[in-house]
Amino acid sequence: SQIQSQSQSQSQSQSQSQLQSQPQPQSQLQSQILVKQNKIVRSFEEVQNIEDEKIKKRQKRLIQNRQSAAASRQKRKEQFMELENKVLNLEKELSKQKELSNKLI
């Protein structure tokens, strides 16, 4: 009886050591979970990088658009000033022509 119990305890010890040497399903599951989490994190980072690029492109486009609009406003202002000067010069010329016309009459 004592020999049987020793034999059983040895076989239990051997089976426990065999179980420990084999990969445990829980640790495999945990490693699979970690791998999937890492993939998700990498995917999120890639999406974040893409979104950051889109934001940078949009900001660049907005800045260029503002610069273009400012240049357009400046050009329009300069053209308006040129037209004002032409109007003033033509008004002066008309005034001179009227004076000459009045002297001749």
N, C-alpha and C. Protein backbone atom coordinates (compact mmCIF):
# COMPACT_ATOMS: atom_id res chain seq x y z
N SER A 1 0.83 -1.19 0.00
CA SER A 1 0.00 0.00 0.00
C SER A 1 0.87 1.25 0.00
N GLN A 2 1.90 1.20 0.79
CA GLN A 2 2.81 2.35 0.85
C GLN A 2 3.57 2.48 -0.46
N ILE A 3 3.90 1.38 -1.06
CA ILE A 3 4.61 1.38 -2.35
C ILE A 3 3.69 1.94 -3.43
N GLN A 4 2.44 1.60 -3.38
CA GLN A 4 1.50 2.10 -4.37
C GLN A 4 1.35 3.62 -4.24
N SER A 5 1.26 4.11 -3.04
CA SER A 5 1.10 5.54 -2.85
C SER A 5 2.36 6.29 -3.31
N GLN A 6 3.55 5.70 -3.08
CA GLN A 6 4.78 6.32 -3.57
C GLN A 6 4.79 6.32 -5.09
N SER A 7 4.37 5.22 -5.66
CA SER A 7 4.32 5.10 -7.10
C SER A 7 3.34 6.12 -7.69
N GLN A 8 2.20 6.28 -7.06
CA GLN A 8 1.21 7.25 -7.52
C GLN A 8 1.74 8.67 -7.40
N SER A 9 2.41 8.97 -6.32
CA SER A 9 2.93 10.32 -6.14
C SER A 9 4.03 10.62 -7.15
N GLN A 10 4.84 9.61 -7.49
CA GLN A 10 5.88 9.79 -8.51
C GLN A 10 5.23 10.01 -9.88
N SER A 11 4.20 9.26 -10.18
CA SER A 11 3.55 9.42 -11.48
C SER A 11 2.85 10.78 -11.55
N GLN A 12 2.31 11.24 -10.45
CA GLN A 12 1.69 12.57 -10.42
C GLN A 12 2.75 13.65 -10.63
N SER A 13 3.90 13.46 -10.01
CA SER A 13 5.00 14.42 -10.18
C SER A 13 5.45 14.45 -11.63
N GLN A 14 5.58 13.28 -12.23
CA GLN A 14 5.99 13.21 -13.63
C GLN A 14 4.96 13.87 -14.54
N SER A 15 3.70 13.63 -14.29
CA SER A 15 2.67 14.21 -15.13
C SER A 15 2.62 15.73 -14.95
N GLN A 16 2.87 16.21 -13.74
CA GLN A 16 2.90 17.65 -13.51
C GLN A 16 4.09 18.28 -14.22
N SER A 17 5.24 17.61 -14.19
CA SER A 17 6.41 18.16 -14.88
C SER A 17 6.20 18.15 -16.38
N GLN A 18 5.50 17.14 -16.89
CA GLN A 18 5.20 17.09 -18.31
C GLN A 18 4.26 18.24 -18.70
N LEU A 19 3.31 18.52 -17.85
CA LEU A 19 2.38 19.62 -18.12
C LEU A 19 3.11 20.96 -18.12
N GLN A 20 4.05 21.12 -17.22
CA GLN A 20 4.78 22.38 -17.15
C GLN A 20 5.69 22.55 -18.35
N SER A 21 6.24 21.46 -18.87
CA SER A 21 7.15 21.56 -20.01
C SER A 21 6.38 21.85 -21.29
N GLN A 22 5.13 21.41 -21.38
CA GLN A 22 4.31 21.68 -22.56
C GLN A 22 3.80 23.12 -22.47
N PRO A 23 3.69 23.80 -23.62
CA PRO A 23 3.15 25.16 -23.58
C PRO A 23 1.73 25.13 -23.05
N GLN A 24 1.48 25.99 -22.12
CA GLN A 24 0.15 26.02 -21.54
C GLN A 24 -0.77 26.81 -22.45
N PRO A 25 -1.98 26.35 -22.57
CA PRO A 25 -2.93 27.04 -23.44
C PRO A 25 -3.14 28.50 -23.04
N GLN A 26 -3.12 28.77 -21.77
CA GLN A 26 -3.33 30.15 -21.33
C GLN A 26 -2.20 31.05 -21.81
N SER A 27 -0.96 30.59 -21.69
CA SER A 27 0.15 31.43 -22.11
C SER A 27 0.14 31.61 -23.62
N GLN A 28 -0.27 30.58 -24.36
CA GLN A 28 -0.40 30.72 -25.81
C GLN A 28 -1.48 31.75 -26.14
N LEU A 29 -2.57 31.66 -25.43
CA LEU A 29 -3.66 32.60 -25.64
C LEU A 29 -3.21 34.02 -25.31
N GLN A 30 -2.49 34.15 -24.22
CA GLN A 30 -1.99 35.48 -23.84
C GLN A 30 -1.04 36.03 -24.89
N SER A 31 -0.16 35.17 -25.42
CA SER A 31 0.78 35.65 -26.44
C SER A 31 0.03 36.02 -27.71
N GLN A 32 -1.01 35.24 -28.06
CA GLN A 32 -1.82 35.58 -29.24
C GLN A 32 -2.53 36.91 -29.03
N ILE A 33 -3.02 37.11 -27.84
CA ILE A 33 -3.69 38.38 -27.52
C ILE A 33 -2.70 39.53 -27.65
N LEU A 34 -1.48 39.34 -27.13
CA LEU A 34 -0.46 40.39 -27.22
C LEU A 34 -0.11 40.69 -28.67
N VAL A 35 0.01 39.65 -29.48
CA VAL A 35 0.31 39.84 -30.90
C VAL A 35 -0.80 40.65 -31.56
N LYS A 36 -2.05 40.28 -31.28
CA LYS A 36 -3.18 41.00 -31.87
C LYS A 36 -3.23 42.45 -31.37
N GLN A 37 -2.94 42.64 -30.09
CA GLN A 37 -2.92 44.01 -29.55
C GLN A 37 -1.84 44.84 -30.23
N ASN A 38 -0.68 44.23 -30.44
CA ASN A 38 0.40 44.94 -31.12
C ASN A 38 0.01 45.30 -32.55
N LYS A 39 -0.67 44.36 -33.23
CA LYS A 39 -1.15 44.65 -34.60
C LYS A 39 -2.14 45.80 -34.59
N ILE A 40 -3.03 45.80 -33.61
CA ILE A 40 -4.02 46.86 -33.51
C ILE A 40 -3.33 48.19 -33.25
N VAL A 41 -2.34 48.20 -32.37
CA VAL A 41 -1.61 49.43 -32.07
C VAL A 41 -0.89 49.92 -33.31
N ARG A 42 -0.24 49.01 -34.04
CA ARG A 42 0.45 49.41 -35.27
C ARG A 42 -0.54 49.96 -36.28
N SER A 43 -1.68 49.30 -36.42
CA SER A 43 -2.72 49.76 -37.35
C SER A 43 -3.20 51.15 -36.95
N PHE A 44 -3.42 51.34 -35.67
CA PHE A 44 -3.87 52.64 -35.17
C PHE A 44 -2.82 53.70 -35.47
N GLU A 45 -1.54 53.36 -35.25
CA GLU A 45 -0.47 54.32 -35.52
C GLU A 45 -0.40 54.66 -37.00
N GLU A 46 -0.61 53.64 -37.87
CA GLU A 46 -0.61 53.90 -39.31
C GLU A 46 -1.76 54.82 -39.68
N VAL A 47 -2.93 54.55 -39.13
CA VAL A 47 -4.09 55.40 -39.40
C VAL A 47 -3.82 56.82 -38.89
N GLN A 48 -3.22 56.91 -37.71
CA GLN A 48 -2.91 58.21 -37.13
C GLN A 48 -1.92 58.95 -38.02
N ASN A 49 -0.91 58.23 -38.55
CA ASN A 49 0.05 58.86 -39.45
C ASN A 49 -0.63 59.37 -40.71
N ILE A 50 -1.53 58.57 -41.25
CA ILE A 50 -2.27 58.98 -42.45
C ILE A 50 -3.10 60.22 -42.14
N GLU A 51 -3.78 60.20 -40.99
CA GLU A 51 -4.60 61.36 -40.61
C GLU A 51 -3.71 62.58 -40.40
N ASP A 52 -2.54 62.39 -39.77
CA ASP A 52 -1.61 63.50 -39.57
C ASP A 52 -1.17 64.07 -40.92
N GLU A 53 -0.89 63.18 -41.88
CA GLU A 53 -0.50 63.64 -43.22
C GLU A 53 -1.62 64.43 -43.87
N LYS A 54 -2.86 63.93 -43.73
CA LYS A 54 -4.00 64.64 -44.30
C LYS A 54 -4.14 66.02 -43.67
N ILE A 55 -3.97 66.08 -42.37
CA ILE A 55 -4.07 67.36 -41.66
C ILE A 55 -2.98 68.30 -42.13
N LYS A 56 -1.75 67.79 -42.25
CA LYS A 56 -0.63 68.62 -42.72
C LYS A 56 -0.88 69.13 -44.14
N LYS A 57 -1.37 68.25 -45.02
CA LYS A 57 -1.67 68.66 -46.39
C LYS A 57 -2.76 69.72 -46.41
N ARG A 58 -3.78 69.52 -45.59
CA ARG A 58 -4.89 70.49 -45.54
C ARG A 58 -4.38 71.83 -45.03
N GLN A 59 -3.56 71.81 -43.97
CA GLN A 59 -3.02 73.05 -43.43
C GLN A 59 -2.15 73.76 -44.46
N LYS A 60 -1.34 72.98 -45.17
CA LYS A 60 -0.48 73.56 -46.21
C LYS A 60 -1.34 74.20 -47.29
N ARG A 61 -2.40 73.49 -47.71
CA ARG A 61 -3.30 74.00 -48.74
C ARG A 61 -3.99 75.28 -48.27
N LEU A 62 -4.43 75.30 -46.99
CA LEU A 62 -5.08 76.49 -46.45
C LEU A 62 -4.13 77.68 -46.42
N ILE A 63 -2.88 77.43 -46.02
CA ILE A 63 -1.89 78.50 -45.98
C ILE A 63 -1.63 79.03 -47.38
N GLN A 64 -1.46 78.12 -48.34
CA GLN A 64 -1.23 78.55 -49.72
C GLN A 64 -2.43 79.32 -50.24
N ASN A 65 -3.63 78.88 -49.90
CA ASN A 65 -4.84 79.56 -50.34
C ASN A 65 -4.91 80.97 -49.75
N ARG A 66 -4.57 81.11 -48.47
CA ARG A 66 -4.57 82.42 -47.83
C ARG A 66 -3.55 83.34 -48.48
N GLN A 67 -2.36 82.79 -48.77
CA GLN A 67 -1.33 83.60 -49.42
C GLN A 67 -1.79 84.04 -50.80
N SER A 68 -2.39 83.12 -51.53
CA SER A 68 -2.89 83.44 -52.87
C SER A 68 -3.99 84.50 -52.79
N ALA A 69 -4.89 84.37 -51.83
CA ALA A 69 -5.97 85.34 -51.66
C ALA A 69 -5.41 86.71 -51.30
N ALA A 70 -4.41 86.74 -50.42
CA ALA A 70 -3.79 88.01 -50.04
C ALA A 70 -3.11 88.66 -51.25
N ALA A 71 -2.42 87.85 -52.06
CA ALA A 71 -1.76 88.38 -53.26
C ALA A 71 -2.81 88.91 -54.24
N SER A 72 -3.91 88.19 -54.37
CA SER A 72 -4.99 88.62 -55.26
C SER A 72 -5.59 89.95 -54.78
N ARG A 73 -5.82 90.07 -53.48
CA ARG A 73 -6.36 91.33 -52.94
C ARG A 73 -5.39 92.49 -53.18
N GLN A 74 -4.10 92.22 -52.98
CA GLN A 74 -3.09 93.26 -53.19
C GLN A 74 -3.06 93.69 -54.66
N LYS A 75 -3.12 92.73 -55.57
CA LYS A 75 -3.11 93.03 -57.00
C LYS A 75 -4.35 93.85 -57.37
N ARG A 76 -5.51 93.45 -56.85
CA ARG A 76 -6.75 94.17 -57.14
C ARG A 76 -6.67 95.60 -56.60
N LYS A 77 -6.08 95.75 -55.42
CA LYS A 77 -5.92 97.08 -54.82
C LYS A 77 -5.02 97.96 -55.70
N GLU A 78 -3.93 97.38 -56.18
CA GLU A 78 -3.01 98.12 -57.05
C GLU A 78 -3.71 98.51 -58.36
N GLN A 79 -4.48 97.57 -58.94
CA GLN A 79 -5.20 97.89 -60.18
C GLN A 79 -6.22 99.00 -59.95
N PHE A 80 -6.89 98.96 -58.81
CA PHE A 80 -7.87 99.99 -58.48
C PHE A 80 -7.19 101.35 -58.35
N MET A 81 -6.03 101.37 -57.70
CA MET A 81 -5.30 102.63 -57.55
C MET A 81 -4.85 103.17 -58.92
N GLU A 82 -4.42 102.27 -59.81
CA GLU A 82 -4.04 102.69 -61.16
C GLU A 82 -5.23 103.30 -61.88
N LEU A 83 -6.39 102.67 -61.75
CA LEU A 83 -7.60 103.21 -62.40
C LEU A 83 -7.98 104.57 -61.81
N GLU A 84 -7.85 104.70 -60.49
CA GLU A 84 -8.13 106.00 -59.86
C GLU A 84 -7.21 107.08 -60.42
N ASN A 85 -5.93 106.75 -60.57
CA ASN A 85 -4.97 107.71 -61.12
C ASN A 85 -5.34 108.08 -62.56
N LYS A 86 -5.75 107.09 -63.35
CA LYS A 86 -6.16 107.37 -64.72
C LYS A 86 -7.37 108.30 -64.74
N VAL A 87 -8.33 108.06 -63.85
CA VAL A 87 -9.52 108.90 -63.77
C VAL A 87 -9.11 110.33 -63.43
N LEU A 88 -8.23 110.50 -62.44
CA LEU A 88 -7.77 111.83 -62.04
C LEU A 88 -7.08 112.54 -63.22
N ASN A 89 -6.20 111.80 -63.91
CA ASN A 89 -5.50 112.39 -65.05
C ASN A 89 -6.47 112.77 -66.16
N LEU A 90 -7.45 111.93 -66.44
CA LEU A 90 -8.43 112.24 -67.47
C LEU A 90 -9.31 113.42 -67.08
N GLU A 91 -9.65 113.50 -65.79
CA GLU A 91 -10.43 114.65 -65.32
C GLU A 91 -9.64 115.95 -65.48
N LYS A 92 -8.34 115.89 -65.16
CA LYS A 92 -7.48 117.07 -65.35
C LYS A 92 -7.42 117.45 -66.82
N GLU A 93 -7.22 116.46 -67.67
CA GLU A 93 -7.15 116.70 -69.12
C GLU A 93 -8.46 117.29 -69.63
N LEU A 94 -9.60 116.77 -69.15
CA LEU A 94 -10.90 117.30 -69.54
C LEU A 94 -11.05 118.75 -69.10
N SER A 95 -10.62 119.01 -67.91
CA SER A 95 -10.70 120.38 -67.38
C SER A 95 -9.88 121.33 -68.24
N LYS A 96 -8.67 120.91 -68.63
CA LYS A 96 -7.81 121.74 -69.49
C LYS A 96 -8.48 121.96 -70.85
N GLN A 97 -9.07 120.92 -71.40
CA GLN A 97 -9.73 121.02 -72.69
C GLN A 97 -10.93 121.97 -72.62
N LYS A 98 -11.64 121.94 -71.53
CA LYS A 98 -12.79 122.84 -71.35
C LYS A 98 -12.32 124.29 -71.29
N GLU A 99 -11.21 124.50 -70.57
CA GLU A 99 -10.67 125.86 -70.47
C GLU A 99 -10.27 126.38 -71.85
N LEU A 100 -9.56 125.54 -72.62
CA LEU A 100 -9.17 125.94 -73.96
C LEU A 100 -10.39 126.22 -74.84
N SER A 101 -11.39 125.40 -74.69
CA SER A 101 -12.61 125.54 -75.46
C SER A 101 -13.29 126.86 -75.12
N ASN A 102 -13.34 127.18 -73.83
CA ASN A 102 -13.98 128.43 -73.39
C ASN A 102 -13.20 129.65 -73.89
N LYS A 103 -11.89 129.59 -73.95
CA LYS A 103 -11.08 130.69 -74.43
C LYS A 103 -11.31 130.93 -75.91
N LEU A 104 -11.52 129.88 -76.65
CA LEU A 104 -11.72 129.99 -78.08
C LEU A 104 -13.11 130.56 -78.40
N ILE A 105 -14.04 130.35 -77.57
CA ILE A 105 -15.41 130.81 -77.85
C ILE A 105 -15.51 132.23 -77.47
